[in-house]
PDB file of N, CA and C in Angstrom:
ATOM      1  N   MET A   1      22.933   6.681   1.720  1.00  0.00           N
ATOM      2  CA  MET A   1      22.929   6.083   3.036  1.00  0.00           C
ATOM      3  C   MET A   1      23.527   7.078   4.041  1.00  0.00           C
ATOM      4  N   TYR A   2      22.936   7.101   5.226  1.00  0.00           N
ATOM      5  CA  TYR A   2      23.474   7.882   6.345  1.00  0.00           C
ATOM      6  C   TYR A   2      24.073   6.904   7.339  1.00  0.00           C
ATOM      7  N   PHE A   3      25.276   7.217   7.845  1.00  0.00           N
ATOM      8  CA  PHE A   3      25.940   6.376   8.830  1.00  0.00           C
ATOM      9  C   PHE A   3      26.469   7.257   9.947  1.00  0.00           C
ATOM     10  N   ASP A   4      26.049   6.983  11.184  1.00  0.00           N
ATOM     11  CA  ASP A   4      26.530   7.724  12.351  1.00  0.00           C
ATOM     12  C   ASP A   4      27.741   6.980  12.905  1.00  0.00           C
ATOM     13  N   GLU A   5      28.914   7.577  12.771  1.00  0.00           N
ATOM     14  CA  GLU A   5      30.148   6.900  13.182  1.00  0.00           C
ATOM     15  C   GLU A   5      30.212   6.627  14.674  1.00  0.00           C
ATOM     16  N   SER A   6      29.601   7.472  15.486  1.00  0.00           N
ATOM     17  CA  SER A   6      29.691   7.282  16.938  1.00  0.00           C
ATOM     18  C   SER A   6      28.811   6.127  17.430  1.00  0.00           C
ATOM     19  N   SER A   7      27.617   5.968  16.839  1.00  0.00           N
ATOM     20  CA  SER A   7      26.700   4.921  17.306  1.00  0.00           C
ATOM     21  C   SER A   7      26.636   3.710  16.378  1.00  0.00           C
ATOM     22  N   GLY A   8      27.008   3.882  15.116  1.00  0.00           N
ATOM     23  CA  GLY A   8      26.890   2.808  14.135  1.00  0.00           C
ATOM     24  C   GLY A   8      25.516   2.736  13.492  1.00  0.00           C
ATOM     25  N   PHE A   9      24.612   3.661  13.867  1.00  0.00           N
ATOM     26  CA  PHE A   9      23.260   3.699  13.295  1.00  0.00           C
ATOM     27  C   PHE A   9      23.338   3.941  11.789  1.00  0.00           C
ATOM     28  N   GLN A  10      22.548   3.168  11.032  1.00  0.00           N
ATOM     29  CA  GLN A  10      22.499   3.311   9.569  1.00  0.00           C
ATOM     30  C   GLN A  10      21.081   3.618   9.123  1.00  0.00           C
ATOM     31  N   ARG A  11      20.963   4.530   8.155  1.00  0.00           N
ATOM     32  CA  ARG A  11      19.673   4.871   7.559  1.00  0.00           C
ATOM     33  C   ARG A  11      19.811   4.739   6.050  1.00  0.00           C
ATOM     34  N   HIS A  12      19.012   3.836   5.469  1.00  0.00           N
ATOM     35  CA  HIS A  12      19.034   3.600   4.027  1.00  0.00           C
ATOM     36  C   HIS A  12      17.703   4.061   3.445  1.00  0.00           C
ATOM     37  N   LEU A  13      17.715   5.102   2.647  1.00  0.00           N
ATOM     38  CA  LEU A  13      16.495   5.577   1.994  1.00  0.00           C
ATOM     39  C   LEU A  13      16.206   4.668   0.804  1.00  0.00           C
ATOM     40  N   LEU A  14      15.044   4.012   0.807  1.00  0.00           N
ATOM     41  CA  LEU A  14      14.697   3.029  -0.220  1.00  0.00           C
ATOM     42  C   LEU A  14      13.717   3.580  -1.250  1.00  0.00           C
ATOM     43  N   SER A  15      13.370   4.847  -1.122  1.00  0.00           N
ATOM     44  CA  SER A  15      12.428   5.473  -2.044  1.00  0.00           C
ATOM     45  C   SER A  15      13.009   6.815  -2.490  1.00  0.00           C
ATOM     46  N   PRO A  16      12.411   7.432  -3.493  1.00  0.00           N
ATOM     47  CA  PRO A  16      12.838   8.786  -3.826  1.00  0.00           C
ATOM     48  C   PRO A  16      12.649   9.696  -2.610  1.00  0.00           C
ATOM     49  N   SER A  17      13.520  10.670  -2.479  1.00  0.00           N
ATOM     50  CA  SER A  17      13.445  11.572  -1.331  1.00  0.00           C
ATOM     51  C   SER A  17      12.482  12.718  -1.602  1.00  0.00           C
ATOM     52  N   PHE A  18      11.460  12.823  -0.772  1.00  0.00           N
ATOM     53  CA  PHE A  18      10.495  13.917  -0.835  1.00  0.00           C
ATOM     54  C   PHE A  18      10.403  14.545   0.548  1.00  0.00           C
ATOM     55  N   PRO A  19      11.449  15.268   0.965  1.00  0.00           N
ATOM     56  CA  PRO A  19      11.411  15.843   2.310  1.00  0.00           C
ATOM     57  C   PRO A  19      10.157  16.680   2.519  1.00  0.00           C
ATOM     58  N   SER A  20       9.502  16.429   3.626  1.00  0.00           N
ATOM     59  CA  SER A  20       8.335  17.214   4.048  1.00  0.00           C
ATOM     60  C   SER A  20       7.103  17.030   3.183  1.00  0.00           C
ATOM     61  N   ARG A  21       7.125  16.080   2.247  1.00  0.00           N
ATOM     62  CA  ARG A  21       5.920  15.804   1.464  1.00  0.00           C
ATOM     63  C   ARG A  21       6.035  14.393   0.892  1.00  0.00           C
ATOM     64  N   GLY A  22       4.925  13.784   0.610  1.00  0.00           N
ATOM     65  CA  GLY A  22       4.959  12.440   0.050  1.00  0.00           C
ATOM     66  C   GLY A  22       5.229  11.372   1.073  1.00  0.00           C
ATOM     67  N   ILE A  23       5.758  10.248   0.590  1.00  0.00           N
ATOM     68  CA  ILE A  23       6.017   9.096   1.434  1.00  0.00           C
ATOM     69  C   ILE A  23       7.473   8.690   1.259  1.00  0.00           C
ATOM     70  N   GLU A  24       8.150   8.450   2.377  1.00  0.00           N
ATOM     71  CA  GLU A  24       9.521   7.957   2.345  1.00  0.00           C
ATOM     72  C   GLU A  24       9.546   6.553   2.943  1.00  0.00           C
ATOM     73  N   PHE A  25      10.294   5.662   2.297  1.00  0.00           N
ATOM     74  CA  PHE A  25      10.444   4.281   2.738  1.00  0.00           C
ATOM     75  C   PHE A  25      11.906   4.103   3.126  1.00  0.00           C
ATOM     76  N   VAL A  26      12.169   3.727   4.385  1.00  0.00           N
ATOM     77  CA  VAL A  26      13.517   3.714   4.937  1.00  0.00           C
ATOM     78  C   VAL A  26      13.796   2.370   5.615  1.00  0.00           C
ATOM     79  N   LYS A  27      15.024   1.895   5.490  1.00  0.00           N
ATOM     80  CA  LYS A  27      15.492   0.739   6.264  1.00  0.00           C
ATOM     81  C   LYS A  27      16.558   1.250   7.230  1.00  0.00           C
ATOM     82  N   ASN A  28      16.349   1.011   8.519  1.00  0.00           N
ATOM     83  CA  ASN A  28      17.300   1.428   9.542  1.00  0.00           C
ATOM     84  C   ASN A  28      17.939   0.210  10.191  1.00  0.00           C
ATOM     85  N   VAL A  29      19.205   0.362  10.573  1.00  0.00           N
ATOM     86  CA  VAL A  29      19.939  -0.688  11.268  1.00  0.00           C
ATOM     87  C   VAL A  29      20.550  -0.060  12.521  1.00  0.00           C
ATOM     88  N   ILE A  30      20.259  -0.678  13.674  1.00  0.00           N
ATOM     89  CA  ILE A  30      20.831  -0.211  14.935  1.00  0.00           C
ATOM     90  C   ILE A  30      21.693  -1.337  15.501  1.00  0.00           C
ATOM     91  N   PRO A  31      22.976  -1.052  15.741  1.00  0.00           N
ATOM     92  CA  PRO A  31      23.853  -2.074  16.328  1.00  0.00           C
ATOM     93  C   PRO A  31      23.408  -2.444  17.744  1.00  0.00           C
ATOM     94  N   PRO A  32      23.950  -3.522  18.286  1.00  0.00           N
ATOM     95  CA  PRO A  32      23.624  -3.908  19.664  1.00  0.00           C
ATOM     96  C   PRO A  32      23.902  -2.767  20.646  1.00  0.00           C
ATOM     97  N   LEU A  33      23.017  -2.640  21.633  1.00  0.00           N
ATOM     98  CA  LEU A  33      23.177  -1.684  22.729  1.00  0.00           C
ATOM     99  C   LEU A  33      23.445  -0.259  22.230  1.00  0.00           C
ATOM    100  N   SER A  34      22.667   0.157  21.237  1.00  0.00           N
ATOM    101  CA  SER A  34      22.837   1.480  20.639  1.00  0.00           C
ATOM    102  C   SER A  34      21.468   2.085  20.354  1.00  0.00           C
ATOM    103  N   GLU A  35      21.459   3.305  19.810  1.00  0.00           N
ATOM    104  CA  GLU A  35      20.194   3.974  19.500  1.00  0.00           C
ATOM    105  C   GLU A  35      20.348   4.897  18.311  1.00  0.00           C
ATOM    106  N   SER A  36      19.206   5.368  17.819  1.00  0.00           N
ATOM    107  CA  SER A  36      19.185   6.243  16.653  1.00  0.00           C
ATOM    108  C   SER A  36      19.553   7.678  16.988  1.00  0.00           C
ATOM    109  N   GLY A  37      19.406   8.057  18.250  1.00  0.00           N
ATOM    110  CA  GLY A  37      19.479   9.468  18.600  1.00  0.00           C
ATOM    111  C   GLY A  37      18.075  10.050  18.478  1.00  0.00           C
ATOM    112  N   MET A  38      17.869  11.227  19.017  1.00  0.00           N
ATOM    113  CA  MET A  38      16.542  11.847  19.043  1.00  0.00           C
ATOM    114  C   MET A  38      16.212  12.485  17.699  1.00  0.00           C
ATOM    115  N   PHE A  39      15.036  12.144  17.169  1.00  0.00           N
ATOM    116  CA  PHE A  39      14.523  12.785  15.961  1.00  0.00           C
ATOM    117  C   PHE A  39      13.552  13.879  16.388  1.00  0.00           C
ATOM    118  N   PRO A  40      13.614  15.045  15.770  1.00  0.00           N
ATOM    119  CA  PRO A  40      12.689  16.124  16.146  1.00  0.00           C
ATOM    120  C   PRO A  40      11.267  15.802  15.703  1.00  0.00           C
ATOM    121  N   ALA A  41      10.332  16.475  16.320  1.00  0.00           N
ATOM    122  CA  ALA A  41       8.921  16.314  15.951  1.00  0.00           C
ATOM    123  C   ALA A  41       8.699  16.777  14.517  1.00  0.00           C
ATOM    124  N   HIS A  42       7.853  16.050  13.803  1.00  0.00           N
ATOM    125  CA  HIS A  42       7.419  16.470  12.470  1.00  0.00           C
ATOM    126  C   HIS A  42       6.223  17.406  12.620  1.00  0.00           C
ATOM    127  N   LYS A  43       5.811  17.987  11.514  1.00  0.00           N
ATOM    128  CA  LYS A  43       4.595  18.809  11.508  1.00  0.00           C
ATOM    129  C   LYS A  43       3.386  17.937  11.802  1.00  0.00           C
ATOM    130  N   SER A  44       2.334  18.537  12.279  1.00  0.00           N
ATOM    131  CA  SER A  44       1.082  17.826  12.533  1.00  0.00           C
ATOM    132  C   SER A  44       0.606  17.143  11.252  1.00  0.00           C
ATOM    133  N   GLY A  45       0.136  15.918  11.396  1.00  0.00           N
ATOM    134  CA  GLY A  45      -0.370  15.168  10.241  1.00  0.00           C
ATOM    135  C   GLY A  45       0.607  14.150   9.695  1.00  0.00           C
ATOM    136  N   VAL A  46       1.891  14.240  10.076  1.00  0.00           N
ATOM    137  CA  VAL A  46       2.879  13.259   9.616  1.00  0.00           C
ATOM    138  C   VAL A  46       2.740  11.992  10.453  1.00  0.00           C
ATOM    139  N   LYS A  47       2.738  10.852   9.774  1.00  0.00           N
ATOM    140  CA  LYS A  47       2.588   9.561  10.434  1.00  0.00           C
ATOM    141  C   LYS A  47       3.803   8.689  10.131  1.00  0.00           C
ATOM    142  N   GLU A  48       4.176   7.842  11.088  1.00  0.00           N
ATOM    143  CA  GLU A  48       5.261   6.895  10.869  1.00  0.00           C
ATOM    144  C   GLU A  48       4.765   5.479  11.159  1.00  0.00           C
ATOM    145  N   TYR A  49       5.167   4.566  10.301  1.00  0.00           N
ATOM    146  CA  TYR A  49       4.819   3.156  10.413  1.00  0.00           C
ATOM    147  C   TYR A  49       6.122   2.364  10.506  1.00  0.00           C
ATOM    148  N   ILE A  50       6.202   1.427  11.433  1.00  0.00           N
ATOM    149  CA  ILE A  50       7.415   0.653  11.663  1.00  0.00           C
ATOM    150  C   ILE A  50       7.109  -0.829  11.512  1.00  0.00           C
ATOM    151  N   TYR A  51       8.057  -1.555  10.914  1.00  0.00           N
ATOM    152  CA  TYR A  51       8.015  -3.017  10.883  1.00  0.00           C
ATOM    153  C   TYR A  51       9.401  -3.521  11.259  1.00  0.00           C
ATOM    154  N   VAL A  52       9.495  -4.338  12.293  1.00  0.00           N
ATOM    155  CA  VAL A  52      10.779  -4.877  12.742  1.00  0.00           C
ATOM    156  C   VAL A  52      11.082  -6.150  11.961  1.00  0.00           C
ATOM    157  N   GLU A  53      12.133  -6.084  11.154  1.00  0.00           N
ATOM    158  CA  GLU A  53      12.535  -7.235  10.348  1.00  0.00           C
ATOM    159  C   GLU A  53      13.357  -8.224  11.173  1.00  0.00           C
ATOM    160  N   LYS A  54      14.273  -7.693  11.990  1.00  0.00           N
ATOM    161  CA  LYS A  54      15.183  -8.554  12.735  1.00  0.00           C
ATOM    162  C   LYS A  54      15.519  -7.904  14.073  1.00  0.00           C
ATOM    163  N   GLY A  55      15.461  -8.683  15.135  1.00  0.00           N
ATOM    164  CA  GLY A  55      15.866  -8.186  16.442  1.00  0.00           C
ATOM    165  C   GLY A  55      14.722  -7.608  17.251  1.00  0.00           C
ATOM    166  N   SER A  56      15.083  -6.695  18.148  1.00  0.00           N
ATOM    167  CA  SER A  56      14.144  -6.084  19.072  1.00  0.00           C
ATOM    168  C   SER A  56      14.375  -4.577  19.086  1.00  0.00           C
ATOM    169  N   LEU A  57      13.281  -3.810  19.173  1.00  0.00           N
ATOM    170  CA  LEU A  57      13.365  -2.351  19.080  1.00  0.00           C
ATOM    171  C   LEU A  57      12.484  -1.707  20.134  1.00  0.00           C
ATOM    172  N   ASN A  58      13.039  -0.722  20.827  1.00  0.00           N
ATOM    173  CA  ASN A  58      12.266   0.068  21.773  1.00  0.00           C
ATOM    174  C   ASN A  58      11.993   1.418  21.115  1.00  0.00           C
ATOM    175  N   VAL A  59      10.720   1.803  21.031  1.00  0.00           N
ATOM    176  CA  VAL A  59      10.315   3.092  20.473  1.00  0.00           C
ATOM    177  C   VAL A  59      10.015   4.018  21.644  1.00  0.00           C
ATOM    178  N   GLU A  60      10.691   5.157  21.691  1.00  0.00           N
ATOM    179  CA  GLU A  60      10.485   6.129  22.763  1.00  0.00           C
ATOM    180  C   GLU A  60       9.917   7.409  22.160  1.00  0.00           C
ATOM    181  N   LEU A  61       8.763   7.827  22.665  1.00  0.00           N
ATOM    182  CA  LEU A  61       8.101   9.045  22.187  1.00  0.00           C
ATOM    183  C   LEU A  61       8.046  10.078  23.301  1.00  0.00           C
ATOM    184  N   SER A  62       8.069  11.341  22.922  1.00  0.00           N
ATOM    185  CA  SER A  62       7.903  12.455  23.872  1.00  0.00           C
ATOM    186  C   SER A  62       8.869  12.378  25.051  1.00  0.00           C
ATOM    187  N   LYS A  63      10.156  12.228  24.736  1.00  0.00           N
ATOM    188  CA  LYS A  63      11.215  12.194  25.760  1.00  0.00           C
ATOM    189  C   LYS A  63      10.957  11.147  26.840  1.00  0.00           C
ATOM    190  N   GLY A  64      10.453   9.988  26.424  1.00  0.00           N
ATOM    191  CA  GLY A  64      10.252   8.889  27.356  1.00  0.00           C
ATOM    192  C   GLY A  64       8.871   8.811  27.973  1.00  0.00           C
ATOM    193  N   ALA A  65       7.985   9.738  27.626  1.00  0.00           N
ATOM    194  CA  ALA A  65       6.621   9.697  28.179  1.00  0.00           C
ATOM    195  C   ALA A  65       5.876   8.450  27.707  1.00  0.00           C
ATOM    196  N   TYR A  66       6.262   7.917  26.535  1.00  0.00           N
ATOM    197  CA  TYR A  66       5.638   6.699  26.019  1.00  0.00           C
ATOM    198  C   TYR A  66       6.737   5.805  25.457  1.00  0.00           C
ATOM    199  N   ASN A  67       6.722   4.527  25.828  1.00  0.00           N
ATOM    200  CA  ASN A  67       7.672   3.540  25.324  1.00  0.00           C
ATOM    201  C   ASN A  67       6.921   2.314  24.838  1.00  0.00           C
ATOM    202  N   GLU A  68       7.382   1.765  23.741  1.00  0.00           N
ATOM    203  CA  GLU A  68       6.801   0.542  23.202  1.00  0.00           C
ATOM    204  C   GLU A  68       7.942  -0.397  22.821  1.00  0.00           C
ATOM    205  N   GLN A  69       7.876  -1.633  23.291  1.00  0.00           N
ATOM    206  CA  GLN A  69       8.868  -2.645  22.946  1.00  0.00           C
ATOM    207  C   GLN A  69       8.346  -3.473  21.781  1.00  0.00           C
ATOM    208  N   LEU A  70       9.109  -3.528  20.694  1.00  0.00           N
ATOM    209  CA  LEU A  70       8.729  -4.292  19.507  1.00  0.00           C
ATOM    210  C   LEU A  70       9.735  -5.409  19.281  1.00  0.00           C
ATOM    211  N   ASN A  71       9.242  -6.549  18.842  1.00  0.00           N
ATOM    212  CA  ASN A  71      10.103  -7.677  18.529  1.00  0.00           C
ATOM    213  C   ASN A  71       9.978  -8.019  17.051  1.00  0.00           C
ATOM    214  N   GLU A  72      10.847  -8.901  16.604  1.00  0.00           N
ATOM    215  CA  GLU A  72      10.861  -9.317  15.206  1.00  0.00           C
ATOM    216  C   GLU A  72       9.452  -9.668  14.738  1.00  0.00           C
ATOM    217  N   GLY A  73       9.026  -9.072  13.620  1.00  0.00           N
ATOM    218  CA  GLY A  73       7.703  -9.326  13.061  1.00  0.00           C
ATOM    219  C   GLY A  73       6.626  -8.365  13.545  1.00  0.00           C
ATOM    220  N   ASP A  74       6.920  -7.561  14.571  1.00  0.00           N
ATOM    221  CA  ASP A  74       5.941  -6.595  15.087  1.00  0.00           C
ATOM    222  C   ASP A  74       5.894  -5.348  14.222  1.00  0.00           C
ATOM    223  N   SER A  75       4.732  -4.690  14.245  1.00  0.00           N
ATOM    224  CA  SER A  75       4.590  -3.406  13.570  1.00  0.00           C
ATOM    225  C   SER A  75       4.009  -2.399  14.546  1.00  0.00           C
ATOM    226  N   PHE A  76       4.152  -1.118  14.209  1.00  0.00           N
ATOM    227  CA  PHE A  76       3.760  -0.043  15.117  1.00  0.00           C
ATOM    228  C   PHE A  76       3.482   1.205  14.294  1.00  0.00           C
ATOM    229  N   PHE A  77       2.537   2.010  14.758  1.00  0.00           N
ATOM    230  CA  PHE A  77       2.166   3.259  14.099  1.00  0.00           C
ATOM    231  C   PHE A  77       2.160   4.374  15.136  1.00  0.00           C
ATOM    232  N   PHE A  78       2.610   5.583  14.743  1.00  0.00           N
ATOM    233  CA  PHE A  78       2.450   6.723  15.639  1.00  0.00           C
ATOM    234  C   PHE A  78       2.369   8.027  14.860  1.00  0.00           C
ATOM    235  N   GLU A  79       1.674   8.977  15.462  1.00  0.00           N
ATOM    236  CA  GLU A  79       1.632  10.344  14.943  1.00  0.00           C
ATOM    237  C   GLU A  79       2.980  10.960  15.270  1.00  0.00           C
ATOM    238  N   ALA A  80       3.702  11.421  14.262  1.00  0.00           N
ATOM    239  CA  ALA A  80       5.105  11.801  14.438  1.00  0.00           C
ATOM    240  C   ALA A  80       5.316  13.267  14.804  1.00  0.00           C
ATOM    241  N   ASN A  81       4.294  13.916  15.331  1.00  0.00           N
ATOM    242  CA  ASN A  81       4.447  15.315  15.728  1.00  0.00           C
ATOM    243  C   ASN A  81       4.948  15.416  17.176  1.00  0.00           C
ATOM    244  N   THR A  82       5.859  14.521  17.528  1.00  0.00           N
ATOM    245  CA  THR A  82       6.504  14.497  18.834  1.00  0.00           C
ATOM    246  C   THR A  82       7.935  14.004  18.643  1.00  0.00           C
ATOM    247  N   GLU A  83       8.843  14.396  19.549  1.00  0.00           N
ATOM    248  CA  GLU A  83      10.199  13.870  19.467  1.00  0.00           C
ATOM    249  C   GLU A  83      10.163  12.355  19.636  1.00  0.00           C
ATOM    250  N   HIS A  84      11.068  11.677  18.943  1.00  0.00           N
ATOM    251  CA  HIS A  84      11.071  10.220  19.005  1.00  0.00           C
ATOM    252  C   HIS A  84      12.474   9.676  18.756  1.00  0.00           C
ATOM    253  N   LYS A  85      12.735   8.521  19.363  1.00  0.00           N
ATOM    254  CA  LYS A  85      13.990   7.834  19.087  1.00  0.00           C
ATOM    255  C   LYS A  85      13.772   6.329  19.169  1.00  0.00           C
ATOM    256  N   PHE A  86      14.723   5.608  18.591  1.00  0.00           N
ATOM    257  CA  PHE A  86      14.643   4.162  18.486  1.00  0.00           C
ATOM    258  C   PHE A  86      15.874   3.565  19.156  1.00  0.00           C
ATOM    259  N   ILE A  87      15.661   2.580  20.034  1.00  0.00           N
ATOM    260  CA  ILE A  87      16.724   2.046  20.872  1.00  0.00           C
ATOM    261  C   ILE A  87      16.789   0.529  20.730  1.00  0.00           C
ATOM    262  N   ASN A  88      17.995   0.019  20.607  1.00  0.00           N
ATOM    263  CA  ASN A  88      18.239  -1.420  20.614  1.00  0.00           C
ATOM    264  C   ASN A  88      18.917  -1.741  21.943  1.00  0.00           C
ATOM    265  N   LYS A  89      18.186  -2.368  22.847  1.00  0.00           N
ATOM    266  CA  LYS A  89      18.710  -2.690  24.181  1.00  0.00           C
ATOM    267  C   LYS A  89      19.278  -4.103  24.257  1.00  0.00           C
ATOM    268  N   THR A  90      19.404  -4.771  23.120  1.00  0.00           N
ATOM    269  CA  THR A  90      19.846  -6.166  23.118  1.00  0.00           C
ATOM    270  C   THR A  90      21.292  -6.299  22.631  1.00  0.00           C
ATOM    271  N   ASP A  91      21.792  -7.523  22.682  1.00  0.00           N
ATOM    272  CA  ASP A  91      23.147  -7.832  22.218  1.00  0.00           C
ATOM    273  C   ASP A  91      23.175  -8.215  20.740  1.00  0.00           C
ATOM    274  N   HIS A  92      22.061  -8.014  20.036  1.00  0.00           N
ATOM    275  CA  HIS A  92      21.974  -8.386  18.623  1.00  0.00           C
ATOM    276  C   HIS A  92      21.543  -7.169  17.796  1.00  0.00           C
ATOM    277  N   GLU A  93      21.995  -7.114  16.557  1.00  0.00           N
ATOM    278  CA  GLU A  93      21.618  -6.027  15.653  1.00  0.00           C
ATOM    279  C   GLU A  93      20.101  -6.009  15.429  1.00  0.00           C
ATOM    280  N   CYS A  94      19.549  -4.821  15.266  1.00  0.00           N
ATOM    281  CA  CYS A  94      18.127  -4.651  14.960  1.00  0.00           C
ATOM    282  C   CYS A  94      17.990  -3.982  13.596  1.00  0.00           C
ATOM    283  N   THR A  95      17.147  -4.555  12.749  1.00  0.00           N
ATOM    284  CA  THR A  95      16.847  -3.989  11.436  1.00  0.00           C
ATOM    285  C   THR A  95      15.339  -3.765  11.365  1.00  0.00           C
ATOM    286  N   TYR A  96      14.949  -2.559  10.967  1.00  0.00           N
ATOM    287  CA  TYR A  96      13.521  -2.273  10.854  1.00  0.00           C
ATOM    288  C   TYR A  96      13.252  -1.354   9.684  1.00  0.00           C
ATOM    289  N   PHE A  97      12.042  -1.466   9.157  1.00  0.00           N
ATOM    290  CA  PHE A  97      11.595  -0.616   8.070  1.00  0.00           C
ATOM    291  C   PHE A  97      10.706   0.475   8.636  1.00  0.00           C
ATOM    292  N   LEU A  98      10.830   1.651   8.076  1.00  0.00           N
ATOM    293  CA  LEU A  98      10.088   2.818   8.526  1.00  0.00           C
ATOM    294  C   LEU A  98       9.466   3.496   7.314  1.00  0.00           C
ATOM    295  N   VAL A  99       8.164   3.733   7.380  1.00  0.00           N
ATOM    296  CA  VAL A  99       7.474   4.496   6.348  1.00  0.00           C
ATOM    297  C   VAL A  99       7.050   5.811   6.978  1.00  0.00           C
ATOM    298  N   ILE A 100       7.492   6.914   6.379  1.00  0.00           N
ATOM    299  CA  ILE A 100       7.136   8.251   6.862  1.00  0.00           C
ATOM    300  C   ILE A 100       6.153   8.845   5.866  1.00  0.00           C
ATOM    301  N   ASP A 101       4.916   9.038   6.308  1.00  0.00           N
ATOM    302  CA  ASP A 101       3.843   9.541   5.452  1.00  0.00           C
ATOM    303  C   ASP A 101       3.591  11.016   5.771  1.00  0.00           C
ATOM    304  N   SER A 102       4.019  11.879   4.865  1.00  0.00           N
ATOM    305  CA  SER A 102       3.830  13.332   5.035  1.00  0.00           C
ATOM    306  C   SER A 102       2.728  13.873   4.140  1.00  0.00           C
ATOM    307  N   THR A 103       1.940  12.984   3.534  1.00  0.00           N
ATOM    308  CA  THR A 103       0.921  13.439   2.584  1.00  0.00           C
ATOM    309  C   THR A 103      -0.167  14.282   3.218  1.00  0.00           C
ATOM    310  N   GLN A 104      -0.378  14.129   4.531  1.00  0.00           N
ATOM    311  CA  GLN A 104      -1.428  14.884   5.217  1.00  0.00           C
ATOM    312  C   GLN A 104      -0.842  15.935   6.163  1.00  0.00           C
ATOM    313  N   SER A 105       0.450  16.232   6.008  1.00  0.00           N
ATOM    314  CA  SER A 105       1.075  17.158   6.940  1.00  0.00           C
ATOM    315  C   SER A 105       0.566  18.578   6.752  1.00  0.00           C
ATOM    316  N   LYS A 106       0.542  19.283   7.853  1.00  0.00           N
ATOM    317  CA  LYS A 106       0.115  20.682   7.848  1.00  0.00           C
ATOM    318  C   LYS A 106       1.346  21.544   7.587  1.00  0.00           C
ATOM    319  N   ASN A 107       1.293  22.417   6.614  1.00  0.00           N
ATOM    320  CA  ASN A 107       2.413  23.312   6.274  1.00  0.00           C
ATOM    321  C   ASN A 107       3.652  22.554   5.809  1.00  0.00           C
ATOM    322  N   GLY A 108       3.475  21.320   5.281  1.00  0.00           N
ATOM    323  CA  GLY A 108       4.569  20.558   4.687  1.00  0.00           C
ATOM    324  C   GLY A 108       5.738  20.299   5.589  1.00  0.00           C
ATOM    325  N   GLY A 109       5.776  19.210   6.315  1.00  0.00           N
ATOM    326  CA  GLY A 109       6.955  18.896   7.105  1.00  0.00           C
ATOM    327  C   GLY A 109       6.673  17.993   8.153  1.00  0.00           C
TER     328      GLY A 109
END
């Protein structure tokens, strides 16, 4: 498990770790009025799939050029070759599942 002491963001890897290849299944928890921090762009071909289990989640891509608001039960897909972050703008904890698919990535990553 990864825990960011400053924001309270938690990342739980639920699958074997295959950095830059394969598929990773992750459960993330964002406390109220907090965020994940900026994730760097992945290599071309990497895809991310999100399912919001509890709460509300704002997905920000390309330094704010694209924003999507997701609520409990919503899902979302994006090509992850852009910077991205996840924001909880509510007073309640947000829990979401993230699948990172690197099986089609160019140059592994």
